[in-house]
Protein backbone atom coordinates (compact mmCIF):
# COMPACT_ATOMS: atom_id res chain seq x y z
CA UNK A 1 37.77 97.42 45.91
CA UNK A 2 36.58 100.12 48.32
CA UNK A 3 33.63 97.93 49.29
CA UNK A 4 35.92 94.99 50.06
CA UNK A 5 38.16 97.11 52.31
CA UNK A 6 35.15 98.59 54.09
CA UNK A 7 33.60 95.13 54.56
CA UNK A 8 36.86 93.74 55.93
CA UNK A 9 37.32 96.63 58.37
CA UNK A 10 33.67 96.39 59.44
CA UNK A 11 34.10 92.63 59.99
CA UNK A 12 37.12 93.30 62.19
CA UNK A 13 35.28 96.01 64.09
CA UNK A 14 32.32 93.75 64.83
CA UNK A 15 34.36 90.68 65.77
CA UNK A 16 37.05 92.30 67.95
CA UNK A 17 36.33 92.68 71.66
CA UNK A 18 38.43 94.41 74.34
CA UNK A 19 38.57 93.65 78.07
CA UNK A 20 40.64 95.65 80.56
CA UNK A 21 42.86 93.58 82.88
CA UNK A 22 44.60 96.02 85.24
CA UNK A 23 47.26 97.78 83.12
CA UNK A 24 46.69 95.48 80.15
CA UNK A 25 43.89 95.38 77.61
CA UNK A 26 42.99 91.91 76.30
CA UNK A 27 42.06 92.06 72.61
CA UNK A 28 40.10 89.07 71.31
CA UNK A 29 40.41 88.85 67.53
CA UNK A 30 38.27 86.99 64.96
CA UNK A 31 41.29 84.95 63.85
CA UNK A 32 41.60 81.35 65.06
CA UNK A 33 44.43 79.25 66.46
CA UNK A 34 44.79 75.50 65.91
CA UNK A 35 42.20 74.82 68.66
CA UNK A 36 39.74 76.97 66.67
CA UNK A 37 39.83 79.39 69.60
CA UNK A 38 40.03 83.12 68.92
CA UNK A 39 43.57 84.48 69.07
CA UNK A 40 44.03 86.94 71.92
CA UNK A 41 46.69 89.61 72.14
CA UNK A 42 47.40 92.18 74.84
CA UNK A 43 48.16 95.89 74.81
CA UNK A 44 49.26 98.41 77.43
CA UNK A 45 50.69 101.91 77.55
CA UNK A 46 54.48 101.92 77.97
CA UNK A 47 55.50 105.55 78.54
CA UNK A 48 54.78 107.26 75.20
CA UNK A 49 54.39 103.95 73.36
CA UNK A 50 51.84 101.16 73.21
CA UNK A 51 53.22 97.68 73.82
CA UNK A 52 51.61 94.68 72.13
CA UNK A 53 52.20 91.13 73.40
CA UNK A 54 50.85 87.64 72.79
CA UNK A 55 51.34 86.87 76.49
CA UNK A 56 53.74 84.09 75.54
CA UNK A 57 50.87 81.98 74.23
CA UNK A 58 52.14 81.36 70.69
CA UNK A 59 55.50 79.75 71.48
CA UNK A 60 54.12 78.05 74.59
CA UNK A 61 51.35 76.36 72.60
CA UNK A 62 53.82 75.19 69.97
CA UNK A 63 56.18 73.80 72.60
CA UNK A 64 53.30 71.85 74.16
CA UNK A 65 52.85 70.23 70.75
CA UNK A 66 56.55 69.38 70.58
CA UNK A 67 57.41 72.09 68.04
CA UNK A 68 60.54 73.80 69.38
CA UNK A 69 61.80 76.75 67.39
CA UNK A 70 65.36 76.48 68.74
CA UNK A 71 65.65 72.81 67.89
CA UNK A 72 67.42 73.50 64.60
CA UNK A 73 69.09 76.42 62.86
CA UNK A 74 66.64 75.99 59.98
CA UNK A 75 63.61 76.51 62.22
CA UNK A 76 65.28 79.38 64.06
CA UNK A 77 66.17 81.09 60.78
CA UNK A 78 62.63 80.73 59.41
CA UNK A 79 61.16 82.06 62.66
CA UNK A 80 63.47 85.09 62.59
CA UNK A 81 62.51 85.83 58.99
CA UNK A 82 58.84 85.90 60.00
CA UNK A 83 59.53 88.10 63.01
CA UNK A 84 61.65 90.58 61.06
CA UNK A 85 59.15 90.69 58.21
CA UNK A 86 56.36 91.82 60.52
CA UNK A 87 58.47 93.96 62.85
CA UNK A 88 57.90 91.70 65.86
CA UNK A 89 60.44 90.65 68.52
CA UNK A 90 60.78 87.58 70.72
CA UNK A 91 61.38 88.79 74.27
CA UNK A 92 61.84 85.88 76.69
CA UNK A 93 59.24 83.76 74.93
CA UNK A 94 56.75 86.57 74.34
CA UNK A 95 56.08 88.00 70.91
CA UNK A 96 56.07 91.78 71.32
CA UNK A 97 55.84 94.90 69.20
CA UNK A 98 55.66 98.61 69.94
CA UNK A 99 53.49 101.29 68.37
CA UNK A 100 52.79 104.98 68.66
CA UNK A 101 49.20 106.15 68.99
CA UNK A 102 49.08 106.96 65.26
CA UNK A 103 50.67 103.68 64.12
CA UNK A 104 48.71 101.40 66.47
CA UNK A 105 46.23 100.12 63.87
CA UNK A 106 48.92 99.09 61.38
CA UNK A 107 51.23 97.61 64.03
CA UNK A 108 48.34 95.60 65.50
CA UNK A 109 47.46 94.38 62.01
CA UNK A 110 51.05 93.23 61.41
CA UNK A 111 51.28 91.67 64.88
CA UNK A 112 48.21 89.49 64.30
CA UNK A 113 49.57 88.48 60.89
CA UNK A 114 52.85 87.48 62.56
CA UNK A 115 51.06 85.22 65.06
CA UNK A 116 49.08 83.61 62.23
CA UNK A 117 52.25 83.16 60.18
CA UNK A 118 54.08 81.44 63.06
CA UNK A 119 51.19 79.03 63.61
CA UNK A 120 50.88 78.38 59.90
CA UNK A 121 54.57 77.76 59.36
CA UNK A 122 55.31 75.56 62.36
CA UNK A 123 52.11 73.93 63.59
CA UNK A 124 52.00 70.94 61.24
CA UNK A 125 55.66 70.92 60.27
CA UNK A 126 57.06 68.78 63.09
CA UNK A 127 55.14 65.49 62.77
CA UNK A 128 54.01 65.48 59.16
CA UNK A 129 56.19 67.59 56.90
CA UNK A 130 59.91 67.04 56.46
CA UNK A 131 60.64 70.58 55.37
CA UNK A 132 58.77 73.85 55.62
CA UNK A 133 56.25 74.65 52.95
CA UNK A 134 57.98 77.84 51.82
CA UNK A 135 61.26 75.99 51.46
CA UNK A 136 59.49 73.26 49.47
CA UNK A 137 58.19 75.95 47.12
CA UNK A 138 61.62 77.55 46.77
CA UNK A 139 63.13 74.15 45.98
CA UNK A 140 60.43 73.54 43.37
CA UNK A 141 61.18 76.91 41.76
CA UNK A 142 64.93 76.22 41.80
CA UNK A 143 64.53 72.77 40.29
CA UNK A 144 62.46 74.20 37.45
CA UNK A 145 64.61 77.31 36.92
CA UNK A 146 61.84 79.72 37.88
CA UNK A 147 63.23 83.14 38.79
CA UNK A 148 61.78 84.53 42.02
CA UNK A 149 62.22 86.98 44.87
CA UNK A 150 61.56 85.54 48.34
CA UNK A 151 59.74 87.33 51.17
CA UNK A 152 58.83 90.90 50.31
CA UNK A 153 56.37 93.53 51.52
CA UNK A 154 54.14 95.99 49.69
CA UNK A 155 52.12 98.89 51.05
CA UNK A 156 48.45 98.83 50.08
CA UNK A 157 45.96 101.57 49.36
CA UNK A 158 44.82 101.41 53.00
CA UNK A 159 48.36 102.26 54.15
CA UNK A 160 48.83 98.81 55.68
CA UNK A 161 51.94 96.81 54.83
CA UNK A 162 51.37 93.29 53.50
CA UNK A 163 53.99 90.54 53.37
CA UNK A 164 54.10 88.05 50.51
CA UNK A 165 56.20 84.92 50.23
CA UNK A 166 57.37 85.14 46.62
CA UNK A 167 57.30 87.35 43.57
CA UNK A 168 58.02 86.13 40.05
CA UNK A 169 59.22 89.11 37.97
CA UNK A 170 57.42 90.34 34.89
CA UNK A 171 58.46 88.85 31.54
CA UNK A 172 57.49 89.48 27.93
CA UNK A 173 54.89 86.72 28.21
CA UNK A 174 53.56 87.22 31.74
CA UNK A 175 52.92 90.00 34.29
CA UNK A 176 54.52 90.12 37.71
CA UNK A 177 53.16 87.30 39.87
CA UNK A 178 52.79 87.91 43.61
CA UNK A 179 52.54 84.68 45.59
CA UNK A 180 51.28 83.79 49.03
CA UNK A 181 51.87 80.31 50.50
CA UNK A 182 49.20 78.91 52.83
CA UNK A 183 50.28 75.87 54.81
CA UNK A 184 46.94 75.34 56.57
CA UNK A 185 44.11 76.69 54.37
CA UNK A 186 41.35 77.96 56.63
CA UNK A 187 38.52 80.44 56.13
CA UNK A 188 39.91 83.11 58.48
CA UNK A 189 43.37 82.96 56.91
CA UNK A 190 41.89 83.20 53.41
CA UNK A 191 39.74 86.20 54.44
CA UNK A 192 42.82 88.08 55.62
CA UNK A 193 44.71 87.03 52.50
CA UNK A 194 41.97 88.32 50.18
CA UNK A 195 42.21 91.73 51.80
CA UNK A 196 46.01 91.76 51.45
CA UNK A 197 45.88 90.98 47.74
CA UNK A 198 43.09 93.42 46.94
CA UNK A 199 44.64 96.21 48.99
CA UNK A 200 47.98 95.68 47.23
CA UNK A 201 46.50 95.25 43.75
CA UNK A 202 45.16 98.80 43.81
CA UNK A 203 48.80 99.93 43.99
CA UNK A 204 50.18 97.24 41.64
CA UNK A 205 47.26 96.76 39.21
CA UNK A 206 49.27 94.84 36.60
CA UNK A 207 50.32 92.10 39.01
CA UNK A 208 48.72 88.65 39.12
CA UNK A 209 47.91 87.12 42.49
CA UNK A 210 48.68 83.46 43.12
CA UNK A 211 47.96 81.42 46.25
CA UNK A 212 49.79 78.12 46.76
CA UNK A 213 47.72 75.90 49.05
CA UNK A 214 49.21 72.97 50.94
CA UNK A 215 46.80 70.04 50.50
CA UNK A 216 49.24 67.30 51.54
CA UNK A 217 47.80 66.84 55.04
CA UNK A 218 44.18 68.03 54.72
CA UNK A 219 41.63 68.02 51.91
CA UNK A 220 41.31 71.38 50.21
CA UNK A 221 37.84 72.91 50.39
CA UNK A 222 36.21 73.86 47.11
CA UNK A 223 34.78 76.91 48.91
CA UNK A 224 38.32 78.24 49.34
CA UNK A 225 39.17 77.78 45.67
CA UNK A 226 35.90 79.46 44.68
CA UNK A 227 36.54 82.41 46.99
CA UNK A 228 39.97 82.94 45.43
CA UNK A 229 38.48 82.71 41.93
CA UNK A 230 35.84 85.33 42.72
CA UNK A 231 38.61 87.79 43.59
CA UNK A 232 40.61 86.94 40.45
CA UNK A 233 43.28 85.05 42.35
CA UNK A 234 44.76 81.83 41.05
CA UNK A 235 44.54 79.10 43.67
CA UNK A 236 47.01 76.26 43.10
CA UNK A 237 46.85 73.06 45.16
CA UNK A 238 50.37 71.93 45.99
CA UNK A 239 49.58 68.40 44.82
CA UNK A 240 48.79 69.81 41.34
CA UNK A 241 51.69 72.26 41.10
CA UNK A 242 53.26 70.58 38.08
CA UNK A 243 50.10 71.22 36.06
CA UNK A 244 50.71 74.97 36.50
CA UNK A 245 54.44 74.84 35.81
CA UNK A 246 54.18 76.40 32.31
CA UNK A 247 52.31 79.41 33.78
CA UNK A 248 54.76 79.85 36.64
CA UNK A 249 57.81 79.54 34.40
CA UNK A 250 56.50 81.80 31.61
């Protein structure tokens, strides 16, 4: 566990670069957008706080693809849930967050996760998917009378807060199941997800980690399933969800 956290932090340290642009600092992260370009965020001192911004890139890129958050109340509601969950605000089209010097690392971590979550939730939804993946999962749980809690956060051993999409409470037959939904399974997203689960599991050791992977638009890589297995996480392809119904409902 300690080795995984150290490896993840070292990976971040090696892959992040910082360039000063007048009052702003441009932070290039190892995480990728839909172009497979590295996601960049910006930071500057704002009195006694540090302001983080995406420079308006996230919503602008989505609008260029025809994905408009304000187009429906459903999209707007889902977007607000993501923003509130990670403590991020939408200020005139820019995603922003504020941190103190001591909280900067955690706030930056949550800010990057928010950008990834927005891309993951909305990028492929407009042309190919009639409803959002998380809502599809919730409907599947409802139809099969699976009890669940939607959208919750846990603090990990590192002190970072990690957001998960669902939790199925403990029963006499099964432990608590913590679930993350991944709409676009990619290596960088899975790497971040592995850290979140392992960091949280040290605090909630009896919980079982489950990852629901959307394979309706792209073929699911066996490397991703193997990586999840190596860290004792159950990877479930959405197309095969009914095969795992007895385990989810137990």
